[in-house]
Amino acid sequence: MKVLIVDDEPLARDELHYLLEQNDLINEINEADGINSAREEVEKNQPDLIFLDIQLGDGSGMAFAKRLKKINNGPYIVFATAYDQYALDAFEADAIDYVLKPFEQERINDAVNRVAKLLKNNQHNNEVTPQQKNPRISLTNDERTIVIQKRNILYVQAQNGKAVVHTEDQEIISKQTLNSMISLLDPNRFIRVHRSFVVNLNKVHELQPSFNHTYELTLDDGSKIPVSRSFVSATKQALGVK
């Protein structure tokens, strides 16, 4: 498990770092002294778990957690703070746990173990189903049912409540929704990069930064697909980009 410690007090970071080193579930520990450096660490190392202080020199840990909440497959959050009055706000931000300074080994281990179980469950839930393994997919429109090879799909776009499937040589408007289409596609080969777009990872040629921390994919046929901010981290991970 990869862990990021975010705290502007060096002694607090050192103490938590030492306690985390005692846990065999942890194989990588990184540190950040504020929001800006934490944001860079999340993008660079994609931690599984963040121990996050609430009051930081360059911003609010609570506000940062709420932004992370919007990331697809983002890190789990454990608030690590000296203040107990933010507990309710912490769980509204979907925090997994709330530990108080000074830290205790048992409490830190409890938080880590809880996240380890969640990660294991997520891995199990991401197992490919027989439908997703099927190399073919049937697309139904008003007139007929068309069977195509999934490997030929470039991307799928949500449009007026329907899924438009773009292949190397045709465009098919299906009655299916984008969400129902996703349930039939192998998650190891297809990834959602935007609320309205799913792409075939094997058809991606280039990833380029766009405006306001978004990105743009260029596919093999030259198609340009937007990557919204909430899907940037998962997209980079899927493409092996650091």
C-alpha atoms as a PDB file:
ATOM      1  CA  MET A   1       0.000   0.000   0.000  1.00  0.00           C
ATOM      2  CA  LYS A   2       1.268   3.486  -0.878  1.00  0.00           C
ATOM      3  CA  VAL A   3       0.743   6.147   1.785  1.00  0.00           C
ATOM      4  CA  LEU A   4       1.107   9.920   1.708  1.00  0.00           C
ATOM      5  CA  ILE A   5       1.533  11.949   4.912  1.00  0.00           C
ATOM      6  CA  VAL A   6       0.382  15.571   4.645  1.00  0.00           C
ATOM      7  CA  ASP A   7       1.334  17.733   7.631  1.00  0.00           C
ATOM      8  CA  ASP A   8       3.181  21.051   7.940  1.00  0.00           C
ATOM      9  CA  GLU A   9       4.849  19.976  11.217  1.00  0.00           C
ATOM     10  CA  PRO A  10       8.071  17.987  10.598  1.00  0.00           C
ATOM     11  CA  LEU A  11       7.916  16.271  14.000  1.00  0.00           C
ATOM     12  CA  ALA A  12       4.352  15.076  13.350  1.00  0.00           C
ATOM     13  CA  ARG A  13       5.387  13.732   9.944  1.00  0.00           C
ATOM     14  CA  ASP A  14       8.376  11.942  11.485  1.00  0.00           C
ATOM     15  CA  GLU A  15       6.229  10.369  14.210  1.00  0.00           C
ATOM     16  CA  LEU A  16       3.590   9.142  11.770  1.00  0.00           C
ATOM     17  CA  HIS A  17       6.234   7.953   9.304  1.00  0.00           C
ATOM     18  CA  TYR A  18       7.842   5.826  12.024  1.00  0.00           C
ATOM     19  CA  LEU A  19       4.518   4.271  13.061  1.00  0.00           C
ATOM     20  CA  LEU A  20       3.596   3.473   9.459  1.00  0.00           C
ATOM     21  CA  GLU A  21       6.963   1.784   8.903  1.00  0.00           C
ATOM     22  CA  GLN A  22       5.986  -0.732  11.579  1.00  0.00           C
ATOM     23  CA  ASN A  23       3.025  -1.930   9.516  1.00  0.00           C
ATOM     24  CA  ASP A  24       3.796  -4.690   6.995  1.00  0.00           C
ATOM     25  CA  LEU A  25       0.925  -3.587   4.753  1.00  0.00           C
ATOM     26  CA  ILE A  26       2.798  -0.387   3.891  1.00  0.00           C
ATOM     27  CA  ASN A  27       5.392  -0.609   1.122  1.00  0.00           C
ATOM     28  CA  GLU A  28       5.844   3.071   0.249  1.00  0.00           C
ATOM     29  CA  ILE A  29       5.605   6.266   2.326  1.00  0.00           C
ATOM     30  CA  ASN A  30       5.840   9.779   0.910  1.00  0.00           C
ATOM     31  CA  GLU A  31       5.433  13.137   2.609  1.00  0.00           C
ATOM     32  CA  ALA A  32       4.096  16.599   1.826  1.00  0.00           C
ATOM     33  CA  ASP A  33       4.206  19.738   3.977  1.00  0.00           C
ATOM     34  CA  GLY A  34       1.118  21.416   2.517  1.00  0.00           C
ATOM     35  CA  ILE A  35      -1.690  21.393  -0.030  1.00  0.00           C
ATOM     36  CA  ASN A  36       0.426  22.357  -3.030  1.00  0.00           C
ATOM     37  CA  SER A  37       3.056  19.686  -2.461  1.00  0.00           C
ATOM     38  CA  ALA A  38       0.320  17.154  -1.596  1.00  0.00           C
ATOM     39  CA  ARG A  39      -1.405  17.838  -4.900  1.00  0.00           C
ATOM     40  CA  GLU A  40       1.869  17.154  -6.735  1.00  0.00           C
ATOM     41  CA  GLU A  41       2.419  13.944  -4.766  1.00  0.00           C
ATOM     42  CA  VAL A  42      -1.079  12.671  -5.533  1.00  0.00           C
ATOM     43  CA  GLU A  43      -0.577  13.274  -9.243  1.00  0.00           C
ATOM     44  CA  LYS A  44       2.933  11.814  -9.265  1.00  0.00           C
ATOM     45  CA  ASN A  45       2.667   8.788  -6.967  1.00  0.00           C
ATOM     46  CA  GLN A  46      -1.099   8.078  -6.806  1.00  0.00           C
ATOM     47  CA  PRO A  47      -1.213   6.978  -3.151  1.00  0.00           C
ATOM     48  CA  ASP A  48      -3.777   4.510  -1.881  1.00  0.00           C
ATOM     49  CA  LEU A  49      -4.135   6.310   1.453  1.00  0.00           C
ATOM     50  CA  ILE A  50      -3.497   9.862   2.688  1.00  0.00           C
ATOM     51  CA  PHE A  51      -3.018  10.792   6.329  1.00  0.00           C
ATOM     52  CA  LEU A  52      -4.115  14.418   6.155  1.00  0.00           C
ATOM     53  CA  ASP A  53      -3.872  17.201   8.711  1.00  0.00           C
ATOM     54  CA  ILE A  54      -6.768  19.673   8.681  1.00  0.00           C
ATOM     55  CA  GLN A  55      -5.060  22.978   9.449  1.00  0.00           C
ATOM     56  CA  LEU A  56      -2.151  23.481   7.050  1.00  0.00           C
ATOM     57  CA  GLY A  57      -0.032  26.525   6.345  1.00  0.00           C
ATOM     58  CA  ASP A  58      -1.155  26.919   2.740  1.00  0.00           C
ATOM     59  CA  GLY A  59      -4.785  25.846   2.948  1.00  0.00           C
ATOM     60  CA  SER A  60      -7.472  23.655   4.440  1.00  0.00           C
ATOM     61  CA  GLY A  61      -7.002  19.903   4.541  1.00  0.00           C
ATOM     62  CA  MET A  62     -10.779  19.545   4.691  1.00  0.00           C
ATOM     63  CA  ALA A  63     -11.234  21.473   1.436  1.00  0.00           C
ATOM     64  CA  PHE A  64      -8.453  19.416  -0.173  1.00  0.00           C
ATOM     65  CA  ALA A  65     -10.167  16.178   0.894  1.00  0.00           C
ATOM     66  CA  LYS A  66     -13.434  17.303  -0.674  1.00  0.00           C
ATOM     67  CA  ARG A  67     -11.608  17.952  -3.960  1.00  0.00           C
ATOM     68  CA  LEU A  68      -9.989  14.512  -3.808  1.00  0.00           C
ATOM     69  CA  LYS A  69     -13.439  13.018  -3.250  1.00  0.00           C
ATOM     70  CA  LYS A  70     -14.301  13.947  -6.847  1.00  0.00           C
ATOM     71  CA  ILE A  71     -11.407  11.951  -8.310  1.00  0.00           C
ATOM     72  CA  ASN A  72     -12.360   8.650  -9.849  1.00  0.00           C
ATOM     73  CA  ASN A  73     -10.652   5.874  -7.848  1.00  0.00           C
ATOM     74  CA  GLY A  74      -8.971   8.514  -5.710  1.00  0.00           C
ATOM     75  CA  PRO A  75      -7.050   7.842  -2.486  1.00  0.00           C
ATOM     76  CA  TYR A  76      -8.693   7.050   0.819  1.00  0.00           C
ATOM     77  CA  ILE A  77      -8.440   9.784   3.452  1.00  0.00           C
ATOM     78  CA  VAL A  78      -7.641   9.504   7.154  1.00  0.00           C
ATOM     79  CA  PHE A  79      -7.595  12.824   8.968  1.00  0.00           C
ATOM     80  CA  ALA A  80      -4.671  13.049  11.388  1.00  0.00           C
ATOM     81  CA  THR A  81      -5.055  16.132  13.561  1.00  0.00           C
ATOM     82  CA  ALA A  82      -4.804  17.594  17.036  1.00  0.00           C
ATOM     83  CA  TYR A  83      -8.400  18.846  16.934  1.00  0.00           C
ATOM     84  CA  ASP A  84     -11.462  16.716  17.593  1.00  0.00           C
ATOM     85  CA  GLN A  85     -14.143  19.265  16.639  1.00  0.00           C
ATOM     86  CA  TYR A  86     -13.910  18.473  12.923  1.00  0.00           C
ATOM     87  CA  ALA A  87     -14.907  14.811  13.148  1.00  0.00           C
ATOM     88  CA  LEU A  88     -18.389  15.312  11.676  1.00  0.00           C
ATOM     89  CA  ASP A  89     -17.052  17.393   8.782  1.00  0.00           C
ATOM     90  CA  ALA A  90     -14.408  14.731   8.183  1.00  0.00           C
ATOM     91  CA  PHE A  91     -16.907  11.963   7.606  1.00  0.00           C
ATOM     92  CA  GLU A  92     -19.002  14.226   5.390  1.00  0.00           C
ATOM     93  CA  ALA A  93     -15.847  14.418   3.273  1.00  0.00           C
ATOM     94  CA  ASP A  94     -15.903  10.589   3.105  1.00  0.00           C
ATOM     95  CA  ALA A  95     -12.907  10.159   5.383  1.00  0.00           C
ATOM     96  CA  ILE A  96     -12.226   6.570   6.399  1.00  0.00           C
ATOM     97  CA  ASP A  97     -10.992   7.453   9.868  1.00  0.00           C
ATOM     98  CA  TYR A  98     -10.097  10.327  12.171  1.00  0.00           C
ATOM     99  CA  VAL A  99      -7.049   9.923  14.409  1.00  0.00           C
ATOM    100  CA  LEU A 100      -5.877  12.403  17.024  1.00  0.00           C
ATOM    101  CA  LYS A 101      -2.372  13.515  17.925  1.00  0.00           C
ATOM    102  CA  PRO A 102      -0.324  12.232  19.641  1.00  0.00           C
ATOM    103  CA  PHE A 103      -0.598   9.161  17.455  1.00  0.00           C
ATOM    104  CA  GLU A 104      -0.767   5.632  18.813  1.00  0.00           C
ATOM    105  CA  GLN A 105       0.421   2.554  16.949  1.00  0.00           C
ATOM    106  CA  GLU A 106      -2.830   0.692  17.468  1.00  0.00           C
ATOM    107  CA  ARG A 107      -4.984   3.503  16.046  1.00  0.00           C
ATOM    108  CA  ILE A 108      -2.729   3.920  13.036  1.00  0.00           C
ATOM    109  CA  ASN A 109      -2.810   0.180  12.391  1.00  0.00           C
ATOM    110  CA  ASP A 110      -6.610   0.180  12.671  1.00  0.00           C
ATOM    111  CA  ALA A 111      -6.868   2.865   9.990  1.00  0.00           C
ATOM    112  CA  VAL A 112      -4.405   1.116   7.683  1.00  0.00           C
ATOM    113  CA  ASN A 113      -6.144  -2.250   8.100  1.00  0.00           C
ATOM    114  CA  ARG A 114      -9.513  -0.698   7.319  1.00  0.00           C
ATOM    115  CA  VAL A 115      -8.184   0.729   4.061  1.00  0.00           C
ATOM    116  CA  ALA A 116      -6.458  -2.548   3.185  1.00  0.00           C
ATOM    117  CA  LYS A 117      -9.823  -4.333   3.397  1.00  0.00           C
ATOM    118  CA  LEU A 118     -11.443  -1.720   1.163  1.00  0.00           C
ATOM    119  CA  LEU A 119      -8.668  -2.033  -1.408  1.00  0.00           C
ATOM    120  CA  LYS A 120      -9.041  -5.807  -1.399  1.00  0.00           C
ATOM    121  CA  ASN A 121     -12.795  -5.526  -1.904  1.00  0.00           C
ATOM    122  CA  ASN A 122     -12.305  -3.086  -4.760  1.00  0.00           C
ATOM    123  CA  GLN A 123      -9.876  -5.473  -6.420  1.00  0.00           C
ATOM    124  CA  HIS A 124     -12.439  -8.246  -6.134  1.00  0.00           C
ATOM    125  CA  ASN A 125     -15.184  -6.031  -7.541  1.00  0.00           C
ATOM    126  CA  ASN A 126     -12.970  -5.164 -10.517  1.00  0.00           C
ATOM    127  CA  GLU A 127     -12.703  -8.772 -11.653  1.00  0.00           C
ATOM    128  CA  VAL A 128     -13.732  -9.166 -15.271  1.00  0.00           C
ATOM    129  CA  THR A 129     -17.137 -10.773 -15.823  1.00  0.00           C
ATOM    130  CA  PRO A 130     -17.880 -13.291 -18.619  1.00  0.00           C
ATOM    131  CA  GLN A 131     -19.821 -10.567 -20.493  1.00  0.00           C
ATOM    132  CA  GLN A 132     -16.841  -8.257 -20.278  1.00  0.00           C
ATOM    133  CA  LYS A 133     -14.492 -11.018 -21.466  1.00  0.00           C
ATOM    134  CA  ASN A 134     -16.623 -11.657 -24.550  1.00  0.00           C
ATOM    135  CA  PRO A 135     -14.682 -10.215 -27.531  1.00  0.00           C
ATOM    136  CA  ARG A 136     -17.947  -9.204 -29.232  1.00  0.00           C
ATOM    137  CA  ILE A 137     -20.677  -6.762 -28.298  1.00  0.00           C
ATOM    138  CA  SER A 138     -24.225  -6.416 -29.640  1.00  0.00           C
ATOM    139  CA  LEU A 139     -25.520  -2.908 -30.340  1.00  0.00           C
ATOM    140  CA  THR A 140     -29.253  -2.403 -30.759  1.00  0.00           C
ATOM    141  CA  ASN A 141     -30.857   0.546 -32.503  1.00  0.00           C
ATOM    142  CA  ASP A 142     -34.331   1.132 -33.928  1.00  0.00           C
ATOM    143  CA  GLU A 143     -33.791  -1.050 -36.979  1.00  0.00           C
ATOM    144  CA  ARG A 144     -31.406  -3.877 -36.165  1.00  0.00           C
ATOM    145  CA  THR A 145     -28.849  -5.457 -33.859  1.00  0.00           C
ATOM    146  CA  ILE A 146     -25.251  -5.028 -34.940  1.00  0.00           C
ATOM    147  CA  VAL A 147     -22.485  -7.300 -33.622  1.00  0.00           C
ATOM    148  CA  ILE A 148     -18.981  -5.860 -33.623  1.00  0.00           C
ATOM    149  CA  GLN A 149     -15.565  -6.785 -32.246  1.00  0.00           C
ATOM    150  CA  LYS A 150     -14.782  -4.788 -29.111  1.00  0.00           C
ATOM    151  CA  ARG A 151     -11.179  -4.395 -30.209  1.00  0.00           C
ATOM    152  CA  ASN A 152     -12.383  -2.247 -33.120  1.00  0.00           C
ATOM    153  CA  ILE A 153     -14.058   0.306 -30.841  1.00  0.00           C
ATOM    154  CA  LEU A 154     -12.195   3.606 -30.648  1.00  0.00           C
ATOM    155  CA  TYR A 155     -14.460   5.285 -28.127  1.00  0.00           C
ATOM    156  CA  VAL A 156     -18.043   5.458 -26.911  1.00  0.00           C
ATOM    157  CA  GLN A 157     -19.809   8.775 -26.414  1.00  0.00           C
ATOM    158  CA  ALA A 158     -22.975   9.593 -24.479  1.00  0.00           C
ATOM    159  CA  GLN A 159     -25.284  11.667 -26.653  1.00  0.00           C
ATOM    160  CA  ASN A 160     -28.921  12.513 -25.902  1.00  0.00           C
ATOM    161  CA  GLY A 161     -29.237   9.587 -23.508  1.00  0.00           C
ATOM    162  CA  LYS A 162     -27.853   7.072 -26.007  1.00  0.00           C
ATOM    163  CA  ALA A 163     -24.412   5.568 -26.563  1.00  0.00           C
ATOM    164  CA  VAL A 164     -22.707   6.406 -29.840  1.00  0.00           C
ATOM    165  CA  VAL A 165     -20.038   3.809 -30.628  1.00  0.00           C
ATOM    166  CA  HIS A 166     -17.183   4.991 -32.833  1.00  0.00           C
ATOM    167  CA  THR A 167     -15.175   2.258 -34.552  1.00  0.00           C
ATOM    168  CA  GLU A 168     -12.378   2.403 -37.078  1.00  0.00           C
ATOM    169  CA  ASP A 169     -14.825   2.543 -39.986  1.00  0.00           C
ATOM    170  CA  GLN A 170     -18.308   3.387 -38.716  1.00  0.00           C
ATOM    171  CA  GLU A 171     -20.434   5.211 -36.155  1.00  0.00           C
ATOM    172  CA  ILE A 172     -23.274   3.304 -34.516  1.00  0.00           C
ATOM    173  CA  ILE A 173     -26.031   4.894 -32.449  1.00  0.00           C
ATOM    174  CA  SER A 174     -27.267   2.397 -29.882  1.00  0.00           C
ATOM    175  CA  LYS A 175     -30.282   2.375 -27.589  1.00  0.00           C
ATOM    176  CA  GLN A 176     -27.997   1.447 -24.706  1.00  0.00           C
ATOM    177  CA  THR A 177     -26.855   4.127 -22.279  1.00  0.00           C
ATOM    178  CA  LEU A 178     -23.191   4.807 -21.669  1.00  0.00           C
ATOM    179  CA  ASN A 179     -23.383   3.201 -18.215  1.00  0.00           C
ATOM    180  CA  SER A 180     -24.923   0.012 -19.576  1.00  0.00           C
ATOM    181  CA  MET A 181     -22.239  -0.065 -22.271  1.00  0.00           C
ATOM    182  CA  ILE A 182     -19.509   0.262 -19.652  1.00  0.00           C
ATOM    183  CA  SER A 183     -20.857  -2.803 -17.849  1.00  0.00           C
ATOM    184  CA  LEU A 184     -20.192  -4.866 -21.001  1.00  0.00           C
ATOM    185  CA  LEU A 185     -16.631  -3.639 -21.616  1.00  0.00           C
ATOM    186  CA  ASP A 186     -13.425  -5.046 -20.105  1.00  0.00           C
ATOM    187  CA  PRO A 187     -12.254  -2.472 -17.491  1.00  0.00           C
ATOM    188  CA  ASN A 188      -8.655  -3.444 -18.262  1.00  0.00           C
ATOM    189  CA  ARG A 189      -9.095  -2.262 -21.861  1.00  0.00           C
ATOM    190  CA  PHE A 190     -11.708   0.463 -21.674  1.00  0.00           C
ATOM    191  CA  ILE A 191     -11.750   3.412 -19.297  1.00  0.00           C
ATOM    192  CA  ARG A 192     -14.082   6.287 -18.628  1.00  0.00           C
ATOM    193  CA  VAL A 193     -12.186   9.555 -19.091  1.00  0.00           C
ATOM    194  CA  HIS A 194     -15.119  11.966 -18.963  1.00  0.00           C
ATOM    195  CA  ARG A 195     -18.753  11.936 -17.954  1.00  0.00           C
ATOM    196  CA  SER A 196     -19.595  11.474 -21.650  1.00  0.00           C
ATOM    197  CA  PHE A 197     -16.660   9.428 -22.988  1.00  0.00           C
ATOM    198  CA  VAL A 198     -15.204   5.930 -22.668  1.00  0.00           C
ATOM    199  CA  VAL A 199     -12.066   5.108 -24.666  1.00  0.00           C
ATOM    200  CA  ASN A 200     -10.271   1.970 -25.798  1.00  0.00           C
ATOM    201  CA  LEU A 201      -6.873   2.184 -24.081  1.00  0.00           C
ATOM    202  CA  ASN A 202      -5.259   0.282 -26.953  1.00  0.00           C
ATOM    203  CA  LYS A 203      -6.317   3.047 -29.350  1.00  0.00           C
ATOM    204  CA  VAL A 204      -4.740   5.913 -27.407  1.00  0.00           C
ATOM    205  CA  HIS A 205      -1.862   7.545 -29.250  1.00  0.00           C
ATOM    206  CA  GLU A 206      -1.120  10.616 -27.133  1.00  0.00           C
ATOM    207  CA  LEU A 207      -2.036  12.369 -23.874  1.00  0.00           C
ATOM    208  CA  GLN A 208      -1.627  16.143 -23.752  1.00  0.00           C
ATOM    209  CA  PRO A 209      -2.317  18.752 -21.042  1.00  0.00           C
ATOM    210  CA  SER A 210      -5.264  21.015 -21.757  1.00  0.00           C
ATOM    211  CA  PHE A 211      -6.684  24.007 -19.890  1.00  0.00           C
ATOM    212  CA  ASN A 212      -7.573  24.216 -16.178  1.00  0.00           C
ATOM    213  CA  HIS A 213      -5.786  20.964 -15.192  1.00  0.00           C
ATOM    214  CA  THR A 214      -7.664  18.875 -17.754  1.00  0.00           C
ATOM    215  CA  TYR A 215      -6.118  16.720 -20.487  1.00  0.00           C
ATOM    216  CA  GLU A 216      -6.866  15.627 -24.034  1.00  0.00           C
ATOM    217  CA  LEU A 217      -6.359  12.225 -25.626  1.00  0.00           C
ATOM    218  CA  THR A 218      -5.484  11.728 -29.263  1.00  0.00           C
ATOM    219  CA  LEU A 219      -6.570   8.350 -30.617  1.00  0.00           C
ATOM    220  CA  ASP A 220      -5.034   6.379 -33.471  1.00  0.00           C
ATOM    221  CA  ASP A 221      -7.497   7.833 -35.996  1.00  0.00           C
ATOM    222  CA  GLY A 222      -6.803  11.405 -34.854  1.00  0.00           C
ATOM    223  CA  SER A 223      -9.936  11.783 -32.721  1.00  0.00           C
ATOM    224  CA  LYS A 224      -9.569  14.200 -29.796  1.00  0.00           C
ATOM    225  CA  ILE A 225     -11.194  13.089 -26.525  1.00  0.00           C
ATOM    226  CA  PRO A 226     -11.369  15.319 -23.414  1.00  0.00           C
ATOM    227  CA  VAL A 227     -10.228  14.003 -20.045  1.00  0.00           C
ATOM    228  CA  SER A 228     -12.040  15.834 -17.252  1.00  0.00           C
ATOM    229  CA  ARG A 229     -10.254  16.713 -14.020  1.00  0.00           C
ATOM    230  CA  SER A 230     -11.948  14.030 -11.944  1.00  0.00           C
ATOM    231  CA  PHE A 231     -10.713  11.293 -14.313  1.00  0.00           C
ATOM    232  CA  VAL A 232      -7.139  12.525 -14.884  1.00  0.00           C
ATOM    233  CA  SER A 233      -5.512  10.444 -12.150  1.00  0.00           C
ATOM    234  CA  ALA A 234      -7.203   7.173 -13.167  1.00  0.00           C
ATOM    235  CA  THR A 235      -6.466   7.826 -16.851  1.00  0.00           C
ATOM    236  CA  LYS A 236      -2.784   8.423 -16.221  1.00  0.00           C
ATOM    237  CA  GLN A 237      -2.604   5.303 -14.097  1.00  0.00           C
ATOM    238  CA  ALA A 238      -4.282   3.211 -16.783  1.00  0.00           C
ATOM    239  CA  LEU A 239      -1.868   4.534 -19.408  1.00  0.00           C
ATOM    240  CA  GLY A 240       1.185   4.060 -17.193  1.00  0.00           C
ATOM    241  CA  VAL A 241       1.907   7.792 -17.103  1.00  0.00           C
ATOM    242  CA  LYS A 242       3.626   9.198 -13.988  1.00  0.00           C
END
